[in-house]
């Protein structure tokens, strides 16, 4: 059974190269090397991530609500000046 995989080249920041279809991780890495023309060094620096239900669900989540105040030391709350009215 073929599955879809995201291919990321690791650098200082990961660079998404694209997608490949393969049955397992090793086959996905081999297909990525051929499809994206990677040399020997780049082949050691790729990771593959399977697309699936968990990936689709994480994309649907909303961002967490921002906090209004942070808890400081000794139980005090740190509130920004704009919220205090200064």
N, C-alpha and C. Protein backbone atom coordinates (compact mmCIF):
# COMPACT_ATOMS: atom_id res chain seq x y z
N UNK A 1 0.84 -1.18 0.00
CA UNK A 1 0.00 0.00 0.00
C UNK A 1 0.89 1.25 0.00
N UNK A 2 0.66 2.12 -0.94
CA UNK A 2 1.44 3.35 -1.05
C UNK A 2 0.88 4.40 -0.09
N UNK A 3 1.80 5.10 0.56
CA UNK A 3 1.43 6.18 1.46
C UNK A 3 2.17 7.45 1.03
N UNK A 4 1.65 8.60 1.43
CA UNK A 4 2.28 9.88 1.09
C UNK A 4 3.21 10.30 2.21
N UNK A 5 4.37 10.82 1.83
CA UNK A 5 5.38 11.26 2.78
C UNK A 5 5.85 12.66 2.45
N UNK A 6 6.02 13.50 3.46
CA UNK A 6 6.62 14.82 3.28
C UNK A 6 8.13 14.65 3.45
N UNK A 7 8.90 15.29 2.58
CA UNK A 7 10.36 15.18 2.61
C UNK A 7 10.94 16.53 3.05
N UNK A 8 11.79 16.48 4.09
CA UNK A 8 12.41 17.69 4.63
C UNK A 8 13.92 17.51 4.62
N UNK A 9 14.62 18.50 4.07
CA UNK A 9 16.08 18.51 4.08
C UNK A 9 16.52 19.33 5.27
N UNK A 10 17.30 18.71 6.16
CA UNK A 10 17.75 19.38 7.37
C UNK A 10 18.92 20.30 7.07
N UNK A 11 18.75 21.55 7.41
CA UNK A 11 19.80 22.57 7.32
C UNK A 11 19.74 23.33 8.63
N UNK A 12 20.11 24.61 8.64
CA UNK A 12 19.94 25.38 9.87
C UNK A 12 18.46 25.47 10.21
N UNK A 13 17.63 25.50 9.18
CA UNK A 13 16.18 25.35 9.31
C UNK A 13 15.77 24.29 8.30
N UNK A 14 14.77 23.51 8.63
CA UNK A 14 14.34 22.47 7.71
C UNK A 14 13.75 23.06 6.44
N UNK A 15 14.11 22.52 5.31
CA UNK A 15 13.58 22.97 4.03
C UNK A 15 12.68 21.86 3.47
N UNK A 16 11.40 22.15 3.32
CA UNK A 16 10.47 21.16 2.78
C UNK A 16 10.70 21.05 1.28
N UNK A 17 11.09 19.87 0.85
CA UNK A 17 11.35 19.65 -0.57
C UNK A 17 10.08 19.30 -1.33
N UNK A 18 9.18 18.57 -0.71
CA UNK A 18 7.95 18.17 -1.37
C UNK A 18 7.42 16.87 -0.82
N UNK A 19 6.70 16.14 -1.66
CA UNK A 19 6.06 14.89 -1.26
C UNK A 19 6.50 13.75 -2.18
N UNK A 20 6.49 12.55 -1.62
CA UNK A 20 6.71 11.34 -2.41
C UNK A 20 5.69 10.29 -1.97
N UNK A 21 5.49 9.30 -2.81
CA UNK A 21 4.62 8.17 -2.47
C UNK A 21 5.48 6.93 -2.38
N UNK A 22 5.36 6.22 -1.24
CA UNK A 22 6.13 5.00 -1.03
C UNK A 22 5.44 4.16 0.03
N UNK A 23 5.89 2.91 0.16
CA UNK A 23 5.25 2.00 1.11
C UNK A 23 5.82 2.10 2.52
N UNK A 24 7.11 2.49 2.66
CA UNK A 24 7.70 2.60 3.99
C UNK A 24 8.76 3.71 3.99
N UNK A 25 9.40 3.90 5.16
CA UNK A 25 10.35 4.99 5.33
C UNK A 25 11.55 4.86 4.40
N UNK A 26 12.13 3.68 4.32
CA UNK A 26 13.31 3.48 3.48
C UNK A 26 12.99 3.73 2.01
N UNK A 27 11.84 3.25 1.57
CA UNK A 27 11.43 3.47 0.18
C UNK A 27 11.15 4.95 -0.08
N UNK A 28 10.61 5.64 0.92
CA UNK A 28 10.33 7.08 0.77
C UNK A 28 11.63 7.87 0.64
N UNK A 29 12.63 7.51 1.44
CA UNK A 29 13.93 8.20 1.34
C UNK A 29 14.60 7.93 0.00
N UNK A 30 14.51 6.70 -0.48
CA UNK A 30 15.09 6.37 -1.78
C UNK A 30 14.37 7.11 -2.91
N UNK A 31 13.05 7.17 -2.84
CA UNK A 31 12.28 7.88 -3.87
C UNK A 31 12.58 9.38 -3.84
N UNK A 32 12.76 9.94 -2.63
CA UNK A 32 13.07 11.36 -2.51
C UNK A 32 14.43 11.67 -3.11
N UNK A 33 15.41 10.79 -2.90
CA UNK A 33 16.75 11.01 -3.45
C UNK A 33 16.71 11.06 -4.97
N UNK A 34 15.91 10.20 -5.57
CA UNK A 34 15.81 10.18 -7.04
C UNK A 34 14.98 11.36 -7.53
N UNK A 35 13.82 11.59 -6.91
CA UNK A 35 12.91 12.64 -7.38
C UNK A 35 13.50 14.04 -7.26
N UNK A 36 14.24 14.31 -6.17
CA UNK A 36 14.77 15.64 -5.95
C UNK A 36 16.25 15.77 -6.29
N UNK A 37 16.85 14.71 -6.84
CA UNK A 37 18.24 14.75 -7.28
C UNK A 37 19.22 15.05 -6.16
N UNK A 38 19.12 14.34 -5.05
CA UNK A 38 19.98 14.61 -3.90
C UNK A 38 21.31 13.89 -4.04
N UNK A 39 22.40 14.55 -3.60
CA UNK A 39 23.70 13.89 -3.60
C UNK A 39 23.86 13.07 -2.32
N UNK A 40 25.02 12.44 -2.15
CA UNK A 40 25.25 11.53 -1.02
C UNK A 40 25.13 12.25 0.33
N UNK A 41 25.67 13.46 0.42
CA UNK A 41 25.61 14.20 1.69
C UNK A 41 24.17 14.59 2.01
N UNK A 42 23.44 15.07 1.02
CA UNK A 42 22.04 15.46 1.25
C UNK A 42 21.18 14.25 1.61
N UNK A 43 21.50 13.09 1.09
CA UNK A 43 20.71 11.89 1.41
C UNK A 43 20.79 11.55 2.89
N UNK A 44 21.90 11.89 3.53
CA UNK A 44 22.02 11.62 4.96
C UNK A 44 21.31 12.67 5.81
N UNK A 45 20.89 13.77 5.18
CA UNK A 45 20.28 14.87 5.92
C UNK A 45 18.78 15.05 5.64
N UNK A 46 18.12 14.02 5.14
CA UNK A 46 16.68 14.14 4.89
C UNK A 46 15.92 13.34 5.93
N UNK A 47 14.73 13.85 6.23
CA UNK A 47 13.79 13.10 7.05
C UNK A 47 12.48 13.04 6.29
N UNK A 48 11.70 12.01 6.55
CA UNK A 48 10.39 11.87 5.92
C UNK A 48 9.34 11.77 7.01
N UNK A 49 8.20 12.37 6.76
CA UNK A 49 7.09 12.37 7.71
C UNK A 49 5.85 11.89 6.97
N UNK A 50 5.20 10.89 7.52
CA UNK A 50 4.02 10.33 6.87
C UNK A 50 2.82 11.26 7.06
N UNK A 51 2.12 11.51 5.96
CA UNK A 51 0.86 12.22 6.05
C UNK A 51 -0.17 11.25 6.58
N UNK A 52 -1.02 11.71 7.43
CA UNK A 52 -2.05 10.84 7.96
C UNK A 52 -3.07 11.61 8.75
N UNK A 53 -3.87 10.91 9.49
CA UNK A 53 -4.94 11.52 10.27
C UNK A 53 -4.39 12.51 11.30
N UNK A 54 -3.33 12.17 11.97
CA UNK A 54 -2.78 13.05 13.00
C UNK A 54 -2.31 14.37 12.40
N UNK A 55 -1.69 14.32 11.22
CA UNK A 55 -1.24 15.55 10.57
C UNK A 55 -2.42 16.41 10.17
N UNK A 56 -3.45 15.80 9.64
CA UNK A 56 -4.63 16.56 9.24
C UNK A 56 -5.31 17.20 10.44
N UNK A 57 -5.36 16.49 11.56
CA UNK A 57 -5.99 17.05 12.76
C UNK A 57 -5.18 18.19 13.34
N UNK A 58 -3.85 18.09 13.31
CA UNK A 58 -3.04 19.16 13.87
C UNK A 58 -3.16 20.44 13.05
N UNK A 59 -3.42 20.32 11.76
CA UNK A 59 -3.60 21.51 10.93
C UNK A 59 -4.93 22.19 11.19
N UNK A 60 -5.91 21.44 11.70
CA UNK A 60 -7.23 22.00 11.96
C UNK A 60 -7.33 22.69 13.31
N UNK A 61 -6.39 22.44 14.19
CA UNK A 61 -6.44 23.04 15.52
C UNK A 61 -6.27 24.55 15.42
N UNK A 62 -6.91 25.24 16.34
CA UNK A 62 -6.74 26.69 16.38
C UNK A 62 -5.57 27.02 17.28
N UNK A 63 -5.03 28.19 17.09
CA UNK A 63 -3.90 28.62 17.92
C UNK A 63 -4.38 28.84 19.35
N UNK A 64 -3.53 28.58 20.33
CA UNK A 64 -3.94 28.81 21.71
C UNK A 64 -4.20 30.29 21.97
N UNK A 65 -5.11 30.56 22.88
CA UNK A 65 -5.44 31.95 23.21
C UNK A 65 -4.26 32.58 23.95
N UNK A 66 -3.94 33.83 23.64
CA UNK A 66 -2.83 34.46 24.33
C UNK A 66 -3.18 34.71 25.80
N UNK A 67 -2.18 34.58 26.65
CA UNK A 67 -2.41 34.84 28.07
C UNK A 67 -2.36 36.33 28.33
N UNK A 68 -3.17 36.77 29.27
CA UNK A 68 -3.22 38.19 29.58
C UNK A 68 -2.17 38.57 30.60
N UNK A 69 -1.82 37.67 31.47
CA UNK A 69 -0.85 37.99 32.50
C UNK A 69 -0.01 36.74 32.77
N UNK A 70 1.21 36.97 33.17
CA UNK A 70 2.11 35.87 33.49
C UNK A 70 2.28 35.79 35.00
N UNK A 71 2.45 34.59 35.49
CA UNK A 71 2.66 34.41 36.92
C UNK A 71 4.11 34.70 37.24
N UNK A 72 4.35 35.64 38.13
CA UNK A 72 5.70 36.01 38.53
C UNK A 72 6.13 35.24 39.76
N UNK A 73 7.28 35.58 40.28
CA UNK A 73 7.77 34.95 41.50
C UNK A 73 6.94 35.36 42.71
N UNK A 74 6.91 34.54 43.73
CA UNK A 74 6.19 34.77 44.98
C UNK A 74 4.69 34.97 44.77
N UNK A 75 4.13 34.38 43.74
CA UNK A 75 2.69 34.42 43.55
C UNK A 75 2.14 35.71 42.98
N UNK A 76 3.00 36.63 42.56
CA UNK A 76 2.52 37.89 41.99
C UNK A 76 2.18 37.70 40.53
N UNK A 77 1.26 38.47 40.03
CA UNK A 77 0.91 38.45 38.62
C UNK A 77 1.59 39.62 37.94
N UNK A 78 2.17 39.35 36.79
CA UNK A 78 2.83 40.40 36.01
C UNK A 78 1.85 40.80 34.92
N UNK A 79 1.41 42.03 34.97
CA UNK A 79 0.43 42.53 34.01
C UNK A 79 1.07 43.65 33.22
N UNK A 80 0.79 43.70 31.92
CA UNK A 80 1.40 44.74 31.08
C UNK A 80 0.81 46.10 31.44
N UNK A 81 1.54 47.15 31.11
CA UNK A 81 1.11 48.50 31.44
C UNK A 81 -0.20 48.87 30.74
N UNK A 82 -0.36 48.37 29.51
CA UNK A 82 -1.59 48.71 28.78
C UNK A 82 -2.83 48.15 29.47
N UNK A 83 -2.69 47.02 30.15
CA UNK A 83 -3.82 46.43 30.84
C UNK A 83 -4.06 47.10 32.18
N UNK A 84 -3.01 47.72 32.79
CA UNK A 84 -3.18 48.43 34.06
C UNK A 84 -3.79 49.80 33.84
N UNK A 85 -3.62 50.32 32.64
CA UNK A 85 -4.13 51.66 32.33
C UNK A 85 -3.10 52.73 32.54
N UNK A 86 -1.80 52.37 32.65
CA UNK A 86 -0.74 53.37 32.84
C UNK A 86 -0.44 54.07 31.54
